[in-house]
Amino acid sequence: MRQSFNVGDLVRIDWPIESAGIVVATAPRTSAARAAGSLEGLHPDEYSCKIRSLDPDEREFWVRANFLEHISKISE
C-alpha cells in the first residue's frame, strides 16, 4: 500500500518502539526517490520520517515510513 506521510501527521510507530508521535520531517531513502524530487506516490520503503515522540521527553528519531500508521492526517 502506498501511503503518504506529511509533516504534522499524527502517527503510531510499530518499530523500533511502540509509541505515538508527530512527523516533523521526511527524507527519501533511495537514489530513485531522491531523483523523483517528491515523496508523492513513493512506497513507504522508499522514505523515512523524523518523528517527535509524544512521550514527556519528546525524543526525535528517524523511522522508515513502512513502520508507521496514521492516527490523524494534518489535513483532517
C-alpha atoms as a PDB file:
ATOM      1  CA  MET A   1       0.000   0.000   0.000  1.00  0.00           C
ATOM      2  CA  ARG A   2       1.282   3.461  -0.849  1.00  0.00           C
ATOM      3  CA  GLN A   3       0.674   5.891   1.931  1.00  0.00           C
ATOM      4  CA  SER A   4       1.890   9.460   2.117  1.00  0.00           C
ATOM      5  CA  PHE A   5       3.063  10.869   5.434  1.00  0.00           C
ATOM      6  CA  ASN A   6       3.341  14.631   5.733  1.00  0.00           C
ATOM      7  CA  VAL A   7       4.893  16.959   8.291  1.00  0.00           C
ATOM      8  CA  GLY A   8       2.336  17.408  11.066  1.00  0.00           C
ATOM      9  CA  ASP A   9       0.687  13.985  10.741  1.00  0.00           C
ATOM     10  CA  LEU A  10      -0.012  12.150  13.996  1.00  0.00           C
ATOM     11  CA  VAL A  11       1.292   8.586  13.690  1.00  0.00           C
ATOM     12  CA  ARG A  12       1.617   5.341  15.587  1.00  0.00           C
ATOM     13  CA  ILE A  13       5.058   3.737  15.474  1.00  0.00           C
ATOM     14  CA  ASP A  14       5.223  -0.061  15.310  1.00  0.00           C
ATOM     15  CA  TRP A  15       9.008  -0.422  15.440  1.00  0.00           C
ATOM     16  CA  PRO A  16      11.654   0.135  16.907  1.00  0.00           C
ATOM     17  CA  ILE A  17       9.398   1.156  19.796  1.00  0.00           C
ATOM     18  CA  GLU A  18       5.648   1.137  20.224  1.00  0.00           C
ATOM     19  CA  SER A  19       4.715   4.770  20.626  1.00  0.00           C
ATOM     20  CA  ALA A  20       2.908   7.685  19.032  1.00  0.00           C
ATOM     21  CA  GLY A  21       4.382  10.851  17.609  1.00  0.00           C
ATOM     22  CA  ILE A  22       4.227  13.689  15.126  1.00  0.00           C
ATOM     23  CA  VAL A  23       6.043  13.726  11.783  1.00  0.00           C
ATOM     24  CA  VAL A  24       8.492  16.671  11.810  1.00  0.00           C
ATOM     25  CA  ALA A  25      10.470  15.890   8.619  1.00  0.00           C
ATOM     26  CA  THR A  26      10.623  13.439   5.713  1.00  0.00           C
ATOM     27  CA  ALA A  27      13.538  12.251   3.583  1.00  0.00           C
ATOM     28  CA  PRO A  28      13.946   9.822   0.684  1.00  0.00           C
ATOM     29  CA  ARG A  29      15.955   6.640   1.355  1.00  0.00           C
ATOM     30  CA  THR A  30      16.862   5.601  -2.193  1.00  0.00           C
ATOM     31  CA  SER A  31      18.592   7.326  -5.079  1.00  0.00           C
ATOM     32  CA  ALA A  32      15.492   6.810  -7.251  1.00  0.00           C
ATOM     33  CA  ALA A  33      13.352   8.527  -4.619  1.00  0.00           C
ATOM     34  CA  ARG A  34      15.841  11.425  -4.374  1.00  0.00           C
ATOM     35  CA  ALA A  35      15.775  11.780  -8.169  1.00  0.00           C
ATOM     36  CA  ALA A  36      11.965  11.968  -8.149  1.00  0.00           C
ATOM     37  CA  GLY A  37      12.207  15.119  -6.010  1.00  0.00           C
ATOM     38  CA  SER A  38       8.885  14.424  -4.286  1.00  0.00           C
ATOM     39  CA  LEU A  39       7.605  11.865  -1.795  1.00  0.00           C
ATOM     40  CA  GLU A  40       4.212  11.707  -3.506  1.00  0.00           C
ATOM     41  CA  GLY A  41       3.488   8.205  -4.723  1.00  0.00           C
ATOM     42  CA  LEU A  42       6.594   6.668  -3.176  1.00  0.00           C
ATOM     43  CA  HIS A  43       6.314   3.302  -1.496  1.00  0.00           C
ATOM     44  CA  PRO A  44       6.792   3.503   2.317  1.00  0.00           C
ATOM     45  CA  ASP A  45      10.067   1.557   1.964  1.00  0.00           C
ATOM     46  CA  GLU A  46      11.477   4.430  -0.118  1.00  0.00           C
ATOM     47  CA  TYR A  47      11.392   7.187   2.508  1.00  0.00           C
ATOM     48  CA  SER A  48      11.777   7.829   6.233  1.00  0.00           C
ATOM     49  CA  CYS A  49      10.105  10.223   8.616  1.00  0.00           C
ATOM     50  CA  LYS A  50      11.620  12.074  11.546  1.00  0.00           C
ATOM     51  CA  ILE A  51       9.246  11.600  14.466  1.00  0.00           C
ATOM     52  CA  ARG A  52       8.909  13.642  17.657  1.00  0.00           C
ATOM     53  CA  SER A  53       7.540  11.249  20.255  1.00  0.00           C
ATOM     54  CA  LEU A  54       4.592  12.238  22.391  1.00  0.00           C
ATOM     55  CA  ASP A  55       6.408  10.924  25.453  1.00  0.00           C
ATOM     56  CA  PRO A  56       7.296  13.532  28.088  1.00  0.00           C
ATOM     57  CA  ASP A  57      10.932  13.630  26.881  1.00  0.00           C
ATOM     58  CA  GLU A  58       9.840  14.461  23.267  1.00  0.00           C
ATOM     59  CA  ARG A  59      12.649  12.412  21.679  1.00  0.00           C
ATOM     60  CA  GLU A  60      13.188  12.780  17.923  1.00  0.00           C
ATOM     61  CA  PHE A  61      14.280   9.866  15.754  1.00  0.00           C
ATOM     62  CA  TRP A  62      14.080   8.627  12.160  1.00  0.00           C
ATOM     63  CA  VAL A  63      11.745   5.745  11.280  1.00  0.00           C
ATOM     64  CA  ARG A  64      11.065   4.093   7.925  1.00  0.00           C
ATOM     65  CA  ALA A  65       7.615   5.074   6.723  1.00  0.00           C
ATOM     66  CA  ASN A  66       6.561   1.430   6.432  1.00  0.00           C
ATOM     67  CA  PHE A  67       6.735   1.160  10.244  1.00  0.00           C
ATOM     68  CA  LEU A  68       4.203   3.985  10.682  1.00  0.00           C
ATOM     69  CA  GLU A  69       0.424   4.047  10.749  1.00  0.00           C
ATOM     70  CA  HIS A  70      -1.707   7.182  10.546  1.00  0.00           C
ATOM     71  CA  ILE A  71      -3.693   8.195  13.593  1.00  0.00           C
ATOM     72  CA  SER A  72      -4.646  11.537  12.036  1.00  0.00           C
ATOM     73  CA  LYS A  73      -3.525  13.386   8.919  1.00  0.00           C
ATOM     74  CA  ILE A  74      -2.646  17.089   9.124  1.00  0.00           C
ATOM     75  CA  SER A  75      -5.334  17.963   6.559  1.00  0.00           C
ATOM     76  CA  GLU A  76      -8.128  16.383   8.625  1.00  0.00           C
END
